Structures are given as C-alpha cells and as structure tokens.
C-alpha cells in the first residue's frame, strides 16, 4: 500500500510563513504528479499547487507569487513553502499523489490525512 504523510501545519499570524512537507512511502513505481490541495470550512477542496514529474509547477491564482511547490523525485517527497500568509489561506491542506505502484499498473490517486493551517489576522 501507499501512504502519504504530511507535516508542518500550525497556527500563524497574517504575514508569517509556513512550510508543509509530505512523504510518500510504500509500493511506488513512479509518481507522475504531486500536489497540495486545501479545503476550508464550507468550501470545496481546491488545488493549490501541482508539480509534475518534470518539475513543472502550476498554482491557483490566489497563491501565485506567495507559495512555491517543490518535489524530490528520489525521495518521493513534496513541499509547499508558503509566504505572506493570509487569513483566507486557513484550511486543511492535503498532500496528493498520482502514481503507479508497478510498471504495468494503472495511475491511481492517493491522499494524505491532511494538516491544519490556521492564519490569524
């Protein structure tokens, strides 16, 4: 089985920084995409940042210029550096990976358990 374990959430003030990390472990042949999603109370889960196998990154508009996603393919890890945090960034942040467990297998989606980020004004 595959596990995604996040760390780094917490309570910060507006303008502060946080770094989230996620490590994927288990039977992994190749991870195509690694991403961070978030879900605020009463809202749908949204993609925050995604990095593909080549390291190309995509961000939701509200975090562009403030958040940076990075991945280490050798270690199967992904991080999200968050700068200039705003109260509207408050949410549970989920690590996501789209991967193959074997060379002949299908691409499947996996999720971490989530880590809370709270930004006070």
Protein backbone atom coordinates (compact mmCIF):
# COMPACT_ATOMS: atom_id res chain seq x y z
CA UNK A 1 0.00 0.00 0.00
CA UNK A 2 0.94 3.63 -0.40
CA UNK A 3 0.94 6.21 2.37
CA UNK A 4 1.26 9.97 2.20
CA UNK A 5 2.25 11.63 5.46
CA UNK A 6 2.11 15.40 5.85
CA UNK A 7 3.77 17.63 8.40
CA UNK A 8 4.29 21.31 9.05
CA UNK A 9 0.85 22.78 9.65
CA UNK A 10 0.05 25.10 12.51
CA UNK A 11 -1.27 28.41 13.75
CA UNK A 12 0.43 31.55 12.47
CA UNK A 13 -0.30 35.24 12.10
CA UNK A 14 -1.02 37.03 8.86
CA UNK A 15 2.21 37.73 7.02
CA UNK A 16 4.04 34.77 8.50
CA UNK A 17 5.47 31.79 6.63
CA UNK A 18 4.99 28.05 6.88
CA UNK A 19 6.46 25.08 5.11
CA UNK A 20 4.44 21.91 4.56
CA UNK A 21 6.11 18.63 3.75
CA UNK A 22 4.78 15.31 2.52
CA UNK A 23 6.49 11.98 2.14
CA UNK A 24 5.11 9.13 0.06
CA UNK A 25 6.04 5.60 1.03
CA UNK A 26 5.13 2.05 0.16
CA UNK A 27 4.99 0.26 -3.16
CA UNK A 28 5.74 3.06 -5.63
CA UNK A 29 6.99 2.62 -9.17
CA UNK A 30 6.59 6.19 -10.38
CA UNK A 31 4.85 9.31 -9.16
CA UNK A 32 3.53 11.39 -12.03
CA UNK A 33 2.00 14.34 -10.19
CA UNK A 34 2.39 15.57 -6.64
CA UNK A 35 0.21 18.37 -5.39
CA UNK A 36 -1.26 20.23 -2.47
CA UNK A 37 -4.97 20.76 -2.12
CA UNK A 38 -6.84 22.61 0.58
CA UNK A 39 -10.33 22.68 1.94
CA UNK A 40 -11.71 25.48 4.05
CA UNK A 41 -14.87 25.06 6.16
CA UNK A 42 -17.95 25.11 3.98
CA UNK A 43 -15.95 25.17 0.76
CA UNK A 44 -14.95 22.65 -1.84
CA UNK A 45 -11.48 21.18 -1.91
CA UNK A 46 -9.29 23.12 -4.33
CA UNK A 47 -5.93 22.52 -5.91
CA UNK A 48 -3.33 24.91 -4.52
CA UNK A 49 -0.18 23.82 -6.32
CA UNK A 50 0.86 20.91 -8.50
CA UNK A 51 4.25 19.70 -9.70
CA UNK A 52 4.51 17.13 -12.46
CA UNK A 53 7.25 14.58 -12.97
CA UNK A 54 9.38 17.10 -14.84
CA UNK A 55 9.05 19.61 -12.03
CA UNK A 56 6.76 21.96 -13.91
CA UNK A 57 4.51 23.74 -11.44
CA UNK A 58 1.01 25.13 -11.57
CA UNK A 59 -0.68 27.27 -8.94
CA UNK A 60 -4.12 28.55 -8.19
CA UNK A 61 -4.27 32.28 -8.83
CA UNK A 62 -4.71 33.28 -5.20
CA UNK A 63 -1.32 31.87 -4.15
CA UNK A 64 0.82 32.79 -7.15
CA UNK A 65 3.90 34.69 -6.04
CA UNK A 66 3.46 33.59 -2.40
CA UNK A 67 3.59 29.78 -2.48
CA UNK A 68 6.25 27.55 -4.01
CA UNK A 69 5.93 23.81 -4.55
CA UNK A 70 8.99 21.62 -4.84
CA UNK A 71 9.47 17.89 -5.10
CA UNK A 72 12.31 15.45 -4.68
CA UNK A 73 11.71 12.54 -7.02
CA UNK A 74 14.47 10.45 -5.47
CA UNK A 75 12.87 10.72 -2.03
CA UNK A 76 9.23 10.80 -3.15
CA UNK A 77 8.62 13.99 -1.22
CA UNK A 78 6.88 17.25 -1.96
CA UNK A 79 6.95 20.51 -0.05
CA UNK A 80 4.96 23.70 -0.10
CA UNK A 81 6.67 26.89 1.02
CA UNK A 82 4.02 29.43 1.97
CA UNK A 83 4.96 33.08 2.37
CA UNK A 84 2.90 36.14 3.30
CA UNK A 85 0.08 34.01 4.63
CA UNK A 86 -3.39 35.50 4.76
CA UNK A 87 -6.42 34.57 6.87
CA UNK A 88 -8.09 33.29 3.70
CA UNK A 89 -5.34 30.66 3.43
CA UNK A 90 -6.80 28.98 6.51
CA UNK A 91 -7.76 25.43 5.59
CA UNK A 92 -6.88 21.79 5.92
CA UNK A 93 -4.09 21.12 3.45
CA UNK A 94 -3.91 17.72 1.79
CA UNK A 95 -1.00 16.12 0.02
CA UNK A 96 -1.89 14.38 -3.26
CA UNK A 97 -0.02 11.98 -5.48
CA UNK A 98 -0.97 10.38 -8.78
CA UNK A 99 1.20 7.34 -9.16
CA UNK A 100 1.79 3.84 -10.39
CA UNK A 101 2.63 1.09 -7.94
CA UNK A 102 4.05 -1.18 -10.65
CA UNK A 103 5.31 -0.65 -14.20
CA UNK A 104 2.23 -2.40 -15.58
CA UNK A 105 -0.29 -0.86 -13.23
CA UNK A 106 -2.73 1.96 -13.58
CA UNK A 107 -2.28 5.51 -12.41
CA UNK A 108 -4.12 5.96 -9.13
CA UNK A 109 -4.76 8.90 -6.84
CA UNK A 110 -3.64 8.92 -3.23
CA UNK A 111 -4.28 11.43 -0.46
CA UNK A 112 -2.67 12.30 2.83
CA UNK A 113 -4.66 12.69 6.02
CA UNK A 114 -4.47 16.48 5.96
CA UNK A 115 -2.78 19.08 8.10
CA UNK A 116 -4.46 22.18 9.52
CA UNK A 117 -3.15 25.62 8.64
CA UNK A 118 -4.72 28.50 10.53
CA UNK A 119 -3.80 32.11 9.81
CA UNK A 120 -5.00 34.69 12.30
CA UNK A 121 -5.48 38.33 11.38
